């Protein structure tokens, strides 16, 4: 099943940060699309829940050096 999420991500300061997060997420099997915005502190991800999980996506963002805000 395809799911879309918008995550609040802090620590992105420039276009390079956006590109880093976007490329790492798009490399995950199951991610259909990913777009990061440092201006909005947001990452939008569309993914196949049968191939990857929200936790795996959050881990990739964290491993890239950024914080995923949870509420």
N, C-alpha and C. Protein backbone atom coordinates (compact mmCIF):
# COMPACT_ATOMS: atom_id res chain seq x y z
N UNK A 1 0.83 -1.17 0.00
CA UNK A 1 0.00 0.00 0.00
C UNK A 1 0.89 1.25 0.00
N UNK A 2 0.55 2.22 -0.80
CA UNK A 2 1.32 3.46 -0.88
C UNK A 2 0.80 4.44 0.18
N UNK A 3 1.74 4.99 0.94
CA UNK A 3 1.40 5.96 1.98
C UNK A 3 2.21 7.23 1.76
N UNK A 4 1.61 8.36 2.07
CA UNK A 4 2.29 9.66 1.98
C UNK A 4 2.35 10.27 3.37
N UNK A 5 3.54 10.79 3.72
CA UNK A 5 3.72 11.44 5.01
C UNK A 5 4.51 12.73 4.82
N UNK A 6 4.26 13.68 5.71
CA UNK A 6 5.04 14.90 5.80
C UNK A 6 5.67 14.91 7.19
N UNK A 7 6.99 14.90 7.21
CA UNK A 7 7.73 14.85 8.46
C UNK A 7 8.38 16.19 8.74
N UNK A 8 8.34 16.62 10.00
CA UNK A 8 9.06 17.82 10.40
C UNK A 8 10.49 17.39 10.72
N UNK A 9 11.44 17.99 10.00
CA UNK A 9 12.85 17.63 10.15
C UNK A 9 13.65 18.89 10.45
N UNK A 10 14.41 18.87 11.53
CA UNK A 10 15.22 20.02 11.89
C UNK A 10 16.69 19.73 11.62
N UNK A 11 17.42 20.81 11.40
CA UNK A 11 18.86 20.69 11.18
C UNK A 11 19.28 20.93 9.74
N UNK A 12 18.33 20.92 8.82
CA UNK A 12 18.67 21.20 7.42
C UNK A 12 18.87 22.71 7.27
N UNK A 13 20.02 23.11 6.73
CA UNK A 13 20.34 24.53 6.63
C UNK A 13 20.46 25.07 5.20
N UNK A 14 20.54 24.16 4.21
CA UNK A 14 20.81 24.63 2.85
C UNK A 14 20.29 23.63 1.82
N UNK A 15 20.46 24.00 0.57
CA UNK A 15 20.06 23.12 -0.52
C UNK A 15 20.83 21.82 -0.54
N UNK A 16 22.07 21.86 -0.06
CA UNK A 16 22.87 20.63 0.01
C UNK A 16 22.28 19.65 1.00
N UNK A 17 21.77 20.18 2.11
CA UNK A 17 21.10 19.32 3.09
C UNK A 17 19.85 18.68 2.48
N UNK A 18 19.08 19.48 1.76
CA UNK A 18 17.89 18.97 1.08
C UNK A 18 18.26 17.85 0.12
N UNK A 19 19.29 18.10 -0.69
CA UNK A 19 19.72 17.11 -1.68
C UNK A 19 20.21 15.83 -1.01
N UNK A 20 20.92 15.97 0.10
CA UNK A 20 21.44 14.81 0.82
C UNK A 20 20.30 13.93 1.33
N UNK A 21 19.33 14.54 1.99
CA UNK A 21 18.20 13.79 2.52
C UNK A 21 17.38 13.16 1.37
N UNK A 22 17.11 13.96 0.36
CA UNK A 22 16.31 13.47 -0.77
C UNK A 22 16.98 12.28 -1.46
N UNK A 23 18.27 12.37 -1.71
CA UNK A 23 18.96 11.28 -2.42
C UNK A 23 19.02 10.02 -1.57
N UNK A 24 19.26 10.17 -0.26
CA UNK A 24 19.31 8.99 0.61
C UNK A 24 17.95 8.30 0.69
N UNK A 25 16.88 9.09 0.77
CA UNK A 25 15.54 8.49 0.84
C UNK A 25 15.15 7.84 -0.48
N UNK A 26 15.47 8.50 -1.59
CA UNK A 26 15.10 7.93 -2.89
C UNK A 26 15.88 6.65 -3.20
N UNK A 27 16.97 6.40 -2.49
CA UNK A 27 17.76 5.18 -2.68
C UNK A 27 17.15 3.98 -1.96
N UNK A 28 16.19 4.21 -1.07
CA UNK A 28 15.56 3.12 -0.32
C UNK A 28 14.55 2.40 -1.22
N UNK A 29 14.65 1.07 -1.24
CA UNK A 29 13.67 0.28 -1.97
C UNK A 29 12.31 0.49 -1.32
N UNK A 30 11.36 0.91 -2.09
CA UNK A 30 10.02 1.15 -1.57
C UNK A 30 9.65 2.62 -1.50
N UNK A 31 10.64 3.51 -1.54
CA UNK A 31 10.32 4.93 -1.57
C UNK A 31 9.97 5.31 -2.99
N UNK A 32 8.78 5.82 -3.18
CA UNK A 32 8.30 6.23 -4.49
C UNK A 32 8.83 7.63 -4.83
N UNK A 33 8.77 8.53 -3.84
CA UNK A 33 9.30 9.88 -4.03
C UNK A 33 9.60 10.49 -2.67
N UNK A 34 10.57 11.41 -2.68
CA UNK A 34 10.93 12.14 -1.47
C UNK A 34 11.33 13.55 -1.88
N UNK A 35 10.91 14.52 -1.07
CA UNK A 35 11.27 15.91 -1.32
C UNK A 35 11.50 16.59 0.02
N UNK A 36 12.67 17.21 0.17
CA UNK A 36 13.01 17.90 1.41
C UNK A 36 13.01 19.40 1.18
N UNK A 37 12.60 20.14 2.21
CA UNK A 37 12.62 21.60 2.16
C UNK A 37 13.23 22.11 3.46
N UNK A 38 14.42 22.72 3.35
CA UNK A 38 15.03 23.27 4.57
C UNK A 38 14.29 24.52 5.03
N UNK A 39 13.70 25.26 4.11
CA UNK A 39 12.94 26.47 4.46
C UNK A 39 11.73 26.13 5.32
N UNK A 40 11.06 25.02 5.00
CA UNK A 40 9.86 24.61 5.72
C UNK A 40 10.14 23.59 6.82
N UNK A 41 11.42 23.16 6.95
CA UNK A 41 11.77 22.08 7.90
C UNK A 41 10.88 20.87 7.70
N UNK A 42 10.71 20.48 6.44
CA UNK A 42 9.79 19.41 6.12
C UNK A 42 10.36 18.46 5.08
N UNK A 43 10.01 17.19 5.24
CA UNK A 43 10.34 16.18 4.24
C UNK A 43 9.04 15.46 3.91
N UNK A 44 8.69 15.45 2.63
CA UNK A 44 7.50 14.75 2.15
C UNK A 44 7.96 13.45 1.50
N UNK A 45 7.38 12.35 1.94
CA UNK A 45 7.78 11.04 1.43
C UNK A 45 6.55 10.23 1.05
N UNK A 46 6.62 9.62 -0.11
CA UNK A 46 5.60 8.68 -0.56
C UNK A 46 6.30 7.33 -0.64
N UNK A 47 5.75 6.31 0.05
CA UNK A 47 6.43 5.03 0.11
C UNK A 47 5.47 3.85 0.13
N UNK A 48 5.99 2.70 -0.26
CA UNK A 48 5.23 1.45 -0.27
C UNK A 48 5.42 0.78 1.09
N UNK A 49 4.35 0.66 1.86
CA UNK A 49 4.44 0.10 3.21
C UNK A 49 4.80 -1.38 3.22
N UNK A 50 4.70 -2.04 2.08
CA UNK A 50 5.09 -3.45 2.02
C UNK A 50 6.59 -3.61 1.81
N UNK A 51 7.28 -2.53 1.45
CA UNK A 51 8.73 -2.61 1.19
C UNK A 51 9.57 -1.86 2.21
N UNK A 52 9.03 -0.84 2.84
CA UNK A 52 9.76 -0.08 3.84
C UNK A 52 8.78 0.48 4.86
N UNK A 53 9.33 1.09 5.90
CA UNK A 53 8.46 1.59 6.98
C UNK A 53 8.81 3.03 7.32
N UNK A 54 7.93 3.65 8.04
CA UNK A 54 8.16 5.01 8.50
C UNK A 54 9.38 5.05 9.42
N UNK A 55 9.55 4.02 10.24
CA UNK A 55 10.72 3.95 11.12
C UNK A 55 12.02 3.89 10.32
N UNK A 56 12.05 3.13 9.24
CA UNK A 56 13.24 3.04 8.40
C UNK A 56 13.55 4.39 7.76
N UNK A 57 12.51 5.09 7.34
CA UNK A 57 12.68 6.41 6.74
C UNK A 57 13.24 7.39 7.77
N UNK A 58 12.68 7.37 8.97
CA UNK A 58 13.17 8.25 10.04
C UNK A 58 14.63 7.93 10.38
N UNK A 59 14.98 6.64 10.39
CA UNK A 59 16.36 6.24 10.67
C UNK A 59 17.33 6.79 9.63
N UNK A 60 16.95 6.76 8.36
CA UNK A 60 17.80 7.28 7.28
C UNK A 60 18.02 8.78 7.47
N UNK A 61 16.95 9.50 7.80
CA UNK A 61 17.07 10.94 8.02
C UNK A 61 17.99 11.21 9.21
N UNK A 62 17.81 10.45 10.27
CA UNK A 62 18.65 10.61 11.46
C UNK A 62 20.11 10.29 11.14
N UNK A 63 20.34 9.22 10.40
CA UNK A 63 21.71 8.83 10.02
C UNK A 63 22.37 9.88 9.15
N UNK A 64 21.56 10.68 8.43
CA UNK A 64 22.10 11.75 7.60
C UNK A 64 22.45 12.98 8.44
N UNK A 65 22.12 12.94 9.74
CA UNK A 65 22.51 14.01 10.64
C UNK A 65 21.41 14.99 11.01
N UNK A 66 20.16 14.61 10.78
CA UNK A 66 19.05 15.50 11.04
C UNK A 66 18.08 14.87 12.04
N UNK A 67 17.23 15.68 12.61
CA UNK A 67 16.28 15.23 13.63
C UNK A 67 14.86 15.22 13.06
N UNK A 68 14.19 14.09 13.25
CA UNK A 68 12.79 13.98 12.86
C UNK A 68 11.97 14.26 14.11
N UNK A 69 11.16 15.31 14.03
CA UNK A 69 10.31 15.71 15.16
C UNK A 69 9.11 14.76 15.22
N UNK A 70 8.82 14.28 16.41
CA UNK A 70 7.64 13.44 16.58
C UNK A 70 6.75 14.10 17.62
N UNK A 71 5.46 13.92 17.45
CA UNK A 71 4.53 14.51 18.42
C UNK A 71 3.49 13.52 18.83
